[in-house]
N, C-alpha and C. Protein backbone atom coordinates (compact mmCIF):
# COMPACT_ATOMS: atom_id res chain seq x y z
N MET A 1 144.72 82.47 130.12
CA MET A 1 143.47 81.99 129.53
C MET A 1 143.68 80.59 128.81
N LYS A 2 142.80 79.67 129.15
CA LYS A 2 142.87 78.34 128.48
C LYS A 2 142.46 78.40 127.09
N GLN A 3 143.01 77.62 126.18
CA GLN A 3 142.68 77.61 124.76
C GLN A 3 142.51 76.19 124.25
N LEU A 4 141.66 76.04 123.27
CA LEU A 4 141.57 74.83 122.54
C LEU A 4 141.49 75.16 121.00
N THR A 5 142.06 74.31 120.13
CA THR A 5 141.91 74.58 118.70
C THR A 5 140.49 74.09 118.27
N ALA A 6 140.14 74.55 117.12
CA ALA A 6 138.89 74.12 116.61
C ALA A 6 138.89 72.63 116.39
N LYS A 7 139.95 72.01 116.01
CA LYS A 7 140.10 70.53 115.80
C LYS A 7 139.87 69.91 117.12
N GLU A 8 140.53 70.42 118.20
CA GLU A 8 140.37 69.75 119.53
C GLU A 8 138.95 69.74 119.99
N VAL A 9 138.20 70.94 119.77
CA VAL A 9 136.86 70.98 120.12
C VAL A 9 136.05 69.99 119.35
N GLU A 10 136.26 69.97 118.07
CA GLU A 10 135.55 68.94 117.19
C GLU A 10 135.81 67.51 117.65
N THR A 11 137.02 67.19 117.99
CA THR A 11 137.38 65.87 118.52
C THR A 11 136.64 65.49 119.84
N LEU A 12 136.58 66.47 120.76
CA LEU A 12 135.86 66.25 122.00
C LEU A 12 134.37 65.98 121.72
N LEU A 13 133.77 66.79 120.87
CA LEU A 13 132.41 66.54 120.47
C LEU A 13 132.17 65.20 119.85
N ASN A 14 133.06 64.84 118.96
CA ASN A 14 132.92 63.59 118.29
C ASN A 14 133.13 62.40 119.23
N GLU A 15 133.81 62.60 120.37
CA GLU A 15 134.00 61.60 121.41
C GLU A 15 132.77 61.54 122.34
N GLY A 16 131.83 62.41 122.09
CA GLY A 16 130.61 62.33 122.89
C GLY A 16 130.63 63.26 124.15
N LYS A 17 131.74 64.06 124.21
CA LYS A 17 131.78 65.03 125.46
C LYS A 17 130.72 66.08 125.27
N THR A 18 130.13 66.46 126.43
CA THR A 18 129.24 67.60 126.44
C THR A 18 129.92 68.83 126.72
N LEU A 19 129.90 69.75 125.73
CA LEU A 19 130.55 71.01 125.89
C LEU A 19 129.62 72.14 125.88
N ASN A 20 129.77 73.10 126.71
CA ASN A 20 128.92 74.35 126.83
C ASN A 20 129.58 75.41 125.95
N ILE A 21 129.06 75.50 124.72
CA ILE A 21 129.65 76.36 123.75
C ILE A 21 128.83 77.62 123.68
N ILE A 22 129.54 78.82 123.74
CA ILE A 22 128.94 80.11 123.60
C ILE A 22 129.59 80.78 122.37
N ASP A 23 128.72 81.09 121.46
CA ASP A 23 129.11 81.70 120.21
C ASP A 23 128.87 83.20 120.32
N VAL A 24 129.93 84.06 120.41
CA VAL A 24 129.80 85.47 120.63
C VAL A 24 129.66 86.29 119.34
N ARG A 25 129.46 85.65 118.18
CA ARG A 25 129.28 86.44 116.99
C ARG A 25 127.88 87.10 116.94
N GLU A 26 127.67 88.03 115.97
CA GLU A 26 126.47 88.69 115.84
C GLU A 26 125.41 87.77 115.22
N VAL A 27 124.13 88.07 115.46
CA VAL A 27 123.07 87.08 115.02
C VAL A 27 123.15 86.74 113.59
N ASP A 28 123.42 87.73 112.76
CA ASP A 28 123.55 87.43 111.21
C ASP A 28 124.61 86.60 110.93
N GLU A 29 125.69 86.60 111.67
CA GLU A 29 126.82 85.77 111.42
C GLU A 29 126.53 84.21 111.85
N VAL A 30 125.81 84.18 112.91
CA VAL A 30 125.41 82.82 113.42
C VAL A 30 124.37 82.21 112.47
N ALA A 31 123.63 83.00 111.83
CA ALA A 31 122.59 82.46 110.91
C ALA A 31 123.22 81.73 109.76
N ALA A 32 124.52 82.04 109.39
CA ALA A 32 125.22 81.39 108.34
C ALA A 32 125.70 80.01 108.71
N GLY A 33 125.58 79.66 110.03
CA GLY A 33 126.03 78.37 110.53
C GLY A 33 126.77 78.53 111.85
N LYS A 34 126.38 77.63 112.76
CA LYS A 34 127.15 77.57 114.12
C LYS A 34 127.37 76.10 114.49
N ILE A 35 128.20 75.90 115.43
CA ILE A 35 128.53 74.60 115.94
C ILE A 35 127.21 74.16 116.60
N PRO A 36 126.79 72.84 116.23
CA PRO A 36 125.61 72.32 116.81
C PRO A 36 125.51 72.37 118.32
N GLY A 37 124.44 72.93 118.81
CA GLY A 37 124.28 73.03 120.26
C GLY A 37 124.80 74.34 120.90
N ALA A 38 125.57 75.11 120.15
CA ALA A 38 126.15 76.35 120.57
C ALA A 38 124.99 77.29 121.03
N VAL A 39 125.16 78.13 121.95
CA VAL A 39 124.31 79.17 122.39
C VAL A 39 124.90 80.49 121.83
N ASN A 40 124.05 81.33 121.25
CA ASN A 40 124.47 82.58 120.71
C ASN A 40 124.27 83.72 121.76
N ILE A 41 125.31 84.34 122.20
CA ILE A 41 125.28 85.50 123.07
C ILE A 41 126.21 86.51 122.38
N PRO A 42 125.84 87.47 121.60
CA PRO A 42 126.76 88.40 120.99
C PRO A 42 127.68 89.03 121.97
N LEU A 43 128.90 89.26 121.64
CA LEU A 43 129.94 89.85 122.50
C LEU A 43 129.35 91.11 123.29
N GLY A 44 128.62 91.99 122.57
CA GLY A 44 128.21 93.20 123.19
C GLY A 44 127.09 92.96 124.30
N LEU A 45 126.55 91.76 124.27
CA LEU A 45 125.56 91.40 125.34
C LEU A 45 125.99 90.56 126.47
N ILE A 46 127.31 90.08 126.39
CA ILE A 46 127.84 89.14 127.45
C ILE A 46 127.67 89.75 128.75
N GLU A 47 128.07 90.96 129.04
CA GLU A 47 127.88 91.59 130.35
C GLU A 47 126.46 91.50 130.88
N PHE A 48 125.45 91.75 129.96
CA PHE A 48 124.10 91.77 130.30
C PHE A 48 123.48 90.40 130.47
N ARG A 49 124.08 89.41 129.89
CA ARG A 49 123.49 87.99 129.92
C ARG A 49 124.30 86.98 130.67
N MET A 50 125.36 87.47 131.31
CA MET A 50 126.19 86.45 132.04
C MET A 50 125.53 85.86 133.16
N HIS A 51 124.35 86.49 133.65
CA HIS A 51 123.48 85.93 134.75
C HIS A 51 122.95 84.59 134.20
N GLU A 52 122.87 84.32 132.96
CA GLU A 52 122.29 83.11 132.35
C GLU A 52 123.35 81.96 132.46
N LEU A 53 124.67 82.33 132.71
CA LEU A 53 125.69 81.27 132.86
C LEU A 53 125.81 80.72 134.22
N ASP A 54 126.44 79.48 134.37
CA ASP A 54 126.58 78.87 135.65
C ASP A 54 128.08 78.81 135.95
N LYS A 55 128.49 79.43 137.06
CA LYS A 55 129.91 79.47 137.37
C LYS A 55 130.47 78.06 137.77
N SER A 56 129.65 77.09 137.86
CA SER A 56 130.17 75.73 138.22
C SER A 56 130.49 74.94 136.83
N LYS A 57 130.09 75.55 135.74
CA LYS A 57 130.29 74.88 134.39
C LYS A 57 131.44 75.61 133.74
N GLU A 58 132.06 74.84 132.73
CA GLU A 58 133.06 75.38 131.93
C GLU A 58 132.58 75.71 130.56
N TYR A 59 132.86 76.89 130.00
CA TYR A 59 132.37 77.29 128.71
C TYR A 59 133.46 77.43 127.70
N VAL A 60 133.11 77.04 126.48
CA VAL A 60 134.02 77.24 125.27
C VAL A 60 133.47 78.35 124.45
N MET A 61 134.32 79.39 124.37
CA MET A 61 133.90 80.59 123.68
C MET A 61 134.31 80.58 122.20
N VAL A 62 133.41 80.93 121.30
CA VAL A 62 133.69 80.84 119.87
C VAL A 62 133.26 82.14 119.16
N CYS A 63 134.04 82.56 118.18
CA CYS A 63 133.72 83.70 117.41
C CYS A 63 134.12 83.35 115.89
N ARG A 64 134.27 84.36 114.99
CA ARG A 64 134.71 84.13 113.63
C ARG A 64 136.16 83.64 113.62
N SER A 65 137.02 84.41 114.31
CA SER A 65 138.47 84.07 114.22
C SER A 65 139.14 83.86 115.48
N GLY A 66 138.59 84.15 116.51
CA GLY A 66 139.19 83.93 117.87
C GLY A 66 139.39 85.23 118.74
N GLY A 67 139.27 86.41 118.08
CA GLY A 67 139.51 87.68 118.76
C GLY A 67 138.40 88.00 119.67
N ARG A 68 137.15 88.07 119.26
CA ARG A 68 136.01 88.43 120.14
C ARG A 68 135.82 87.41 121.20
N SER A 69 136.10 86.11 120.91
CA SER A 69 135.88 85.17 121.83
C SER A 69 136.96 85.22 122.92
N GLY A 70 138.16 85.68 122.54
CA GLY A 70 139.29 85.98 123.46
C GLY A 70 138.85 87.02 124.47
N SER A 71 138.30 88.05 123.94
CA SER A 71 137.83 89.22 124.75
C SER A 71 136.74 88.75 125.73
N ALA A 72 135.76 87.90 125.20
CA ALA A 72 134.69 87.40 126.08
C ALA A 72 135.31 86.54 127.11
N SER A 73 136.22 85.72 126.76
CA SER A 73 136.88 84.80 127.75
C SER A 73 137.63 85.56 128.90
N GLN A 74 138.33 86.63 128.52
CA GLN A 74 139.04 87.46 129.49
C GLN A 74 137.98 88.11 130.47
N PHE A 75 136.96 88.64 129.87
CA PHE A 75 135.92 89.38 130.67
C PHE A 75 135.21 88.31 131.65
N LEU A 76 134.84 87.23 131.13
CA LEU A 76 134.09 86.24 131.99
C LEU A 76 135.08 85.58 133.09
N GLU A 77 136.42 85.36 132.65
CA GLU A 77 137.33 84.88 133.62
C GLU A 77 137.45 85.89 134.78
N GLY A 78 137.43 87.16 134.50
CA GLY A 78 137.47 88.26 135.45
C GLY A 78 136.27 88.26 136.40
N GLN A 79 135.10 87.73 135.86
CA GLN A 79 133.90 87.56 136.74
C GLN A 79 133.76 86.33 137.45
N GLY A 80 134.82 85.48 137.28
CA GLY A 80 134.83 84.21 138.01
C GLY A 80 134.34 83.00 137.32
N PHE A 81 134.15 83.09 136.00
CA PHE A 81 133.72 81.98 135.22
C PHE A 81 134.94 81.13 134.71
N LYS A 82 134.63 79.83 134.42
CA LYS A 82 135.64 78.97 133.87
C LYS A 82 135.42 78.96 132.37
N VAL A 83 136.41 79.47 131.55
CA VAL A 83 136.22 79.53 130.12
C VAL A 83 137.49 79.05 129.37
N ILE A 84 137.15 78.68 128.21
CA ILE A 84 138.20 78.18 127.24
C ILE A 84 137.97 78.99 125.92
N ASN A 85 138.97 79.57 125.34
CA ASN A 85 138.84 80.24 124.09
C ASN A 85 139.15 79.25 123.01
N MET A 86 138.26 79.19 121.92
CA MET A 86 138.57 78.36 120.78
C MET A 86 139.36 79.22 119.79
N VAL A 87 140.61 78.93 119.73
CA VAL A 87 141.47 79.75 118.76
C VAL A 87 141.20 79.35 117.38
N GLY A 88 141.26 80.36 116.47
CA GLY A 88 141.01 80.15 115.08
C GLY A 88 139.50 80.41 114.74
N GLY A 89 138.65 80.23 115.71
CA GLY A 89 137.26 80.50 115.53
C GLY A 89 136.56 79.62 114.45
N MET A 90 135.49 80.11 113.91
CA MET A 90 134.77 79.38 112.90
C MET A 90 135.43 79.34 111.59
N LEU A 91 136.42 80.18 111.43
CA LEU A 91 137.23 80.15 110.16
C LEU A 91 138.03 78.86 110.16
N ALA A 92 138.42 78.33 111.30
CA ALA A 92 139.16 77.05 111.50
C ALA A 92 138.24 75.86 111.63
N TRP A 93 137.03 76.10 111.81
CA TRP A 93 136.05 74.91 112.12
C TRP A 93 135.81 74.10 110.87
N GLU A 94 136.03 72.82 111.04
CA GLU A 94 135.74 71.92 109.92
C GLU A 94 134.65 70.88 110.08
N GLY A 95 134.10 70.95 111.36
CA GLY A 95 133.06 70.03 111.74
C GLY A 95 131.71 70.46 111.18
N ASP A 96 130.69 69.81 111.69
CA ASP A 96 129.28 70.08 111.32
C ASP A 96 128.85 71.46 111.78
N VAL A 97 127.83 72.09 111.04
CA VAL A 97 127.31 73.29 111.53
C VAL A 97 125.76 73.16 111.39
N GLU A 98 125.05 73.92 112.15
CA GLU A 98 123.65 73.89 112.09
C GLU A 98 123.10 75.35 111.83
């Protein structure tokens, strides 16, 4: 499984890179703040909403600490998606939130 640190993701965004970020936290967690532009698909719904994702794109998976996003990454990889897990999750995120 590919991984990036929160700092690496922040640097890529600050350089103007377009990242497809999926936040797999629950709705109430995301309400407290998420990475700007991230799409919220709670981990429990990934299996039912993966049809919304494009297998030709690469996705950065995010959660609170990196555990749930790791699970989501493994599942989606098994379904043929290109994914990167953001290790450390939002606990390690120092960038802007919306």
